[in-house]
Amino acid sequence: MIRSEYDKSRGLSPENPPDQIKIEGLKANAVRALSNYMLYEGGIQDRNKGGKLGAAMDRFHDKNVQGMQKNKDSDPKIS
Protein backbone atom coordinates (compact mmCIF):
# COMPACT_ATOMS: atom_id res chain seq x y z
CA MET A 1 0.00 0.00 0.00
CA ILE A 2 2.75 2.45 0.90
CA ARG A 3 4.71 1.60 -2.24
CA SER A 4 1.68 2.45 -4.39
CA GLU A 5 1.48 5.87 -2.73
CA TYR A 6 5.13 6.53 -3.63
CA ASP A 7 4.51 5.31 -7.17
CA LYS A 8 1.89 8.04 -7.62
CA SER A 9 4.60 10.70 -7.42
CA ARG A 10 7.36 8.87 -9.27
CA GLY A 11 7.00 10.74 -12.57
CA LEU A 12 6.21 14.16 -11.11
CA SER A 13 8.63 17.07 -11.26
CA PRO A 14 8.54 20.08 -8.90
CA GLU A 15 9.67 22.31 -11.79
CA ASN A 16 6.58 21.46 -13.86
CA PRO A 17 3.66 23.75 -12.82
CA PRO A 18 0.87 21.18 -13.45
CA ASP A 19 2.83 18.64 -11.39
CA GLN A 20 3.16 21.12 -8.51
CA ILE A 21 -0.62 20.98 -8.01
CA LYS A 22 -0.54 17.17 -7.95
CA ILE A 23 2.41 17.21 -5.54
CA GLU A 24 0.58 19.53 -3.16
CA GLY A 25 -2.45 17.22 -3.27
CA LEU A 26 -0.28 14.20 -2.49
CA LYS A 27 1.34 16.09 0.40
CA ALA A 28 -2.08 16.96 1.80
CA ASN A 29 -3.15 13.31 1.53
CA ALA A 30 0.00 12.22 3.38
CA VAL A 31 -0.60 14.72 6.18
CA ARG A 32 -4.23 13.59 6.47
CA ALA A 33 -3.20 9.91 6.59
CA LEU A 34 -0.59 10.58 9.27
CA SER A 35 -3.07 12.60 11.30
CA ASN A 36 -5.65 9.80 11.11
CA TYR A 37 -3.04 7.24 12.14
CA MET A 38 -1.94 9.34 15.11
CA LEU A 39 -5.55 9.85 16.19
CA TYR A 40 -6.21 6.11 15.91
CA GLU A 41 -3.09 5.18 17.90
CA GLY A 42 -3.91 7.83 20.51
CA GLY A 43 -7.39 6.38 20.84
CA ILE A 44 -6.01 2.90 21.40
CA GLN A 45 -3.67 4.15 24.11
CA ASP A 46 -6.45 6.25 25.63
CA ARG A 47 -8.79 3.24 25.66
CA ASN A 48 -6.27 1.32 27.76
CA LYS A 49 -6.30 4.15 30.28
CA GLY A 50 -10.11 4.36 30.36
CA GLY A 51 -10.19 7.63 28.41
CA LYS A 52 -13.04 9.23 26.51
CA LEU A 53 -11.43 9.14 23.06
CA GLY A 54 -11.03 5.36 23.07
CA ALA A 55 -14.59 4.89 24.30
CA ALA A 56 -15.91 7.23 21.61
CA MET A 57 -13.98 5.32 18.95
CA ASP A 58 -15.50 2.05 20.18
CA ARG A 59 -19.03 3.49 20.07
CA PHE A 60 -18.45 4.88 16.57
CA HIS A 61 -17.15 1.53 15.34
CA ASP A 62 -20.03 -0.42 16.91
CA LYS A 63 -22.60 1.97 15.43
CA ASN A 64 -21.08 1.66 11.95
CA VAL A 65 -20.93 -2.13 12.12
CA GLN A 66 -24.59 -2.27 13.17
CA GLY A 67 -25.51 0.07 10.31
CA MET A 68 -23.68 -2.12 7.79
CA GLN A 69 -25.43 -5.21 9.13
CA LYS A 70 -28.83 -3.52 8.83
CA ASN A 71 -28.06 -2.46 5.26
CA LYS A 72 -26.94 -5.98 4.41
CA ASP A 73 -30.11 -7.49 5.89
CA SER A 74 -32.40 -5.03 4.11
CA ASP A 75 -30.72 -5.13 0.68
CA PRO A 76 -31.23 -8.42 -1.17
CA LYS A 77 -28.43 -7.54 -3.66
CA ILE A 78 -25.77 -7.69 -0.92
CA SER A 79 -24.76 -11.20 -0.03
C-alpha atoms as a PDB file:
ATOM      1  CA  MET A   1       0.000   0.000   0.000  1.00  0.00           C
ATOM      2  CA  ILE A   2       2.750   2.450   0.902  1.00  0.00           C
ATOM      3  CA  ARG A   3       4.705   1.597  -2.235  1.00  0.00           C
ATOM      4  CA  SER A   4       1.680   2.452  -4.388  1.00  0.00           C
ATOM      5  CA  GLU A   5       1.482   5.868  -2.734  1.00  0.00           C
ATOM      6  CA  TYR A   6       5.128   6.525  -3.627  1.00  0.00           C
ATOM      7  CA  ASP A   7       4.506   5.309  -7.173  1.00  0.00           C
ATOM      8  CA  LYS A   8       1.886   8.043  -7.619  1.00  0.00           C
ATOM      9  CA  SER A   9       4.596  10.695  -7.416  1.00  0.00           C
ATOM     10  CA  ARG A  10       7.360   8.868  -9.267  1.00  0.00           C
ATOM     11  CA  GLY A  11       6.997  10.740 -12.572  1.00  0.00           C
ATOM     12  CA  LEU A  12       6.206  14.162 -11.113  1.00  0.00           C
ATOM     13  CA  SER A  13       8.634  17.075 -11.259  1.00  0.00           C
ATOM     14  CA  PRO A  14       8.539  20.082  -8.899  1.00  0.00           C
ATOM     15  CA  GLU A  15       9.671  22.305 -11.792  1.00  0.00           C
ATOM     16  CA  ASN A  16       6.576  21.464 -13.862  1.00  0.00           C
ATOM     17  CA  PRO A  17       3.657  23.750 -12.816  1.00  0.00           C
ATOM     18  CA  PRO A  18       0.870  21.177 -13.446  1.00  0.00           C
ATOM     19  CA  ASP A  19       2.834  18.644 -11.393  1.00  0.00           C
ATOM     20  CA  GLN A  20       3.157  21.124  -8.513  1.00  0.00           C
ATOM     21  CA  ILE A  21      -0.620  20.975  -8.015  1.00  0.00           C
ATOM     22  CA  LYS A  22      -0.542  17.172  -7.948  1.00  0.00           C
ATOM     23  CA  ILE A  23       2.407  17.207  -5.541  1.00  0.00           C
ATOM     24  CA  GLU A  24       0.576  19.531  -3.156  1.00  0.00           C
ATOM     25  CA  GLY A  25      -2.448  17.219  -3.265  1.00  0.00           C
ATOM     26  CA  LEU A  26      -0.282  14.198  -2.488  1.00  0.00           C
ATOM     27  CA  LYS A  27       1.343  16.086   0.401  1.00  0.00           C
ATOM     28  CA  ALA A  28      -2.085  16.959   1.801  1.00  0.00           C
ATOM     29  CA  ASN A  29      -3.147  13.309   1.534  1.00  0.00           C
ATOM     30  CA  ALA A  30       0.003  12.222   3.377  1.00  0.00           C
ATOM     31  CA  VAL A  31      -0.603  14.717   6.180  1.00  0.00           C
ATOM     32  CA  ARG A  32      -4.230  13.594   6.471  1.00  0.00           C
ATOM     33  CA  ALA A  33      -3.204   9.914   6.593  1.00  0.00           C
ATOM     34  CA  LEU A  34      -0.589  10.577   9.268  1.00  0.00           C
ATOM     35  CA  SER A  35      -3.071  12.597  11.296  1.00  0.00           C
ATOM     36  CA  ASN A  36      -5.652   9.798  11.109  1.00  0.00           C
ATOM     37  CA  TYR A  37      -3.036   7.241  12.138  1.00  0.00           C
ATOM     38  CA  MET A  38      -1.942   9.338  15.110  1.00  0.00           C
ATOM     39  CA  LEU A  39      -5.552   9.850  16.188  1.00  0.00           C
ATOM     40  CA  TYR A  40      -6.206   6.108  15.909  1.00  0.00           C
ATOM     41  CA  GLU A  41      -3.086   5.181  17.895  1.00  0.00           C
ATOM     42  CA  GLY A  42      -3.906   7.825  20.505  1.00  0.00           C
ATOM     43  CA  GLY A  43      -7.386   6.382  20.844  1.00  0.00           C
ATOM     44  CA  ILE A  44      -6.007   2.900  21.403  1.00  0.00           C
ATOM     45  CA  GLN A  45      -3.665   4.152  24.114  1.00  0.00           C
ATOM     46  CA  ASP A  46      -6.450   6.250  25.628  1.00  0.00           C
ATOM     47  CA  ARG A  47      -8.788   3.244  25.661  1.00  0.00           C
ATOM     48  CA  ASN A  48      -6.267   1.315  27.761  1.00  0.00           C
ATOM     49  CA  LYS A  49      -6.304   4.152  30.282  1.00  0.00           C
ATOM     50  CA  GLY A  50     -10.112   4.363  30.356  1.00  0.00           C
ATOM     51  CA  GLY A  51     -10.194   7.632  28.413  1.00  0.00           C
ATOM     52  CA  LYS A  52     -13.042   9.227  26.513  1.00  0.00           C
ATOM     53  CA  LEU A  53     -11.429   9.140  23.060  1.00  0.00           C
ATOM     54  CA  GLY A  54     -11.030   5.356  23.071  1.00  0.00           C
ATOM     55  CA  ALA A  55     -14.590   4.890  24.297  1.00  0.00           C
ATOM     56  CA  ALA A  56     -15.911   7.230  21.613  1.00  0.00           C
ATOM     57  CA  MET A  57     -13.985   5.321  18.948  1.00  0.00           C
ATOM     58  CA  ASP A  58     -15.504   2.054  20.183  1.00  0.00           C
ATOM     59  CA  ARG A  59     -19.031   3.490  20.068  1.00  0.00           C
ATOM     60  CA  PHE A  60     -18.454   4.885  16.568  1.00  0.00           C
ATOM     61  CA  HIS A  61     -17.153   1.526  15.338  1.00  0.00           C
ATOM     62  CA  ASP A  62     -20.026  -0.420  16.906  1.00  0.00           C
ATOM     63  CA  LYS A  63     -22.600   1.972  15.430  1.00  0.00           C
ATOM     64  CA  ASN A  64     -21.083   1.656  11.946  1.00  0.00           C
ATOM     65  CA  VAL A  65     -20.933  -2.134  12.123  1.00  0.00           C
ATOM     66  CA  GLN A  66     -24.587  -2.269  13.170  1.00  0.00           C
ATOM     67  CA  GLY A  67     -25.507   0.066  10.307  1.00  0.00           C
ATOM     68  CA  MET A  68     -23.681  -2.116   7.790  1.00  0.00           C
ATOM     69  CA  GLN A  69     -25.427  -5.214   9.133  1.00  0.00           C
ATOM     70  CA  LYS A  70     -28.831  -3.517   8.834  1.00  0.00           C
ATOM     71  CA  ASN A  71     -28.057  -2.465   5.259  1.00  0.00           C
ATOM     72  CA  LYS A  72     -26.936  -5.978   4.411  1.00  0.00           C
ATOM     73  CA  ASP A  73     -30.109  -7.488   5.890  1.00  0.00           C
ATOM     74  CA  SER A  74     -32.400  -5.026   4.107  1.00  0.00           C
ATOM     75  CA  ASP A  75     -30.721  -5.131   0.682  1.00  0.00           C
ATOM     76  CA  PRO A  76     -31.229  -8.423  -1.169  1.00  0.00           C
ATOM     77  CA  LYS A  77     -28.432  -7.542  -3.657  1.00  0.00           C
ATOM     78  CA  ILE A  78     -25.772  -7.685  -0.922  1.00  0.00           C
ATOM     79  CA  SER A  79     -24.755 -11.203  -0.030  1.00  0.00           C
END
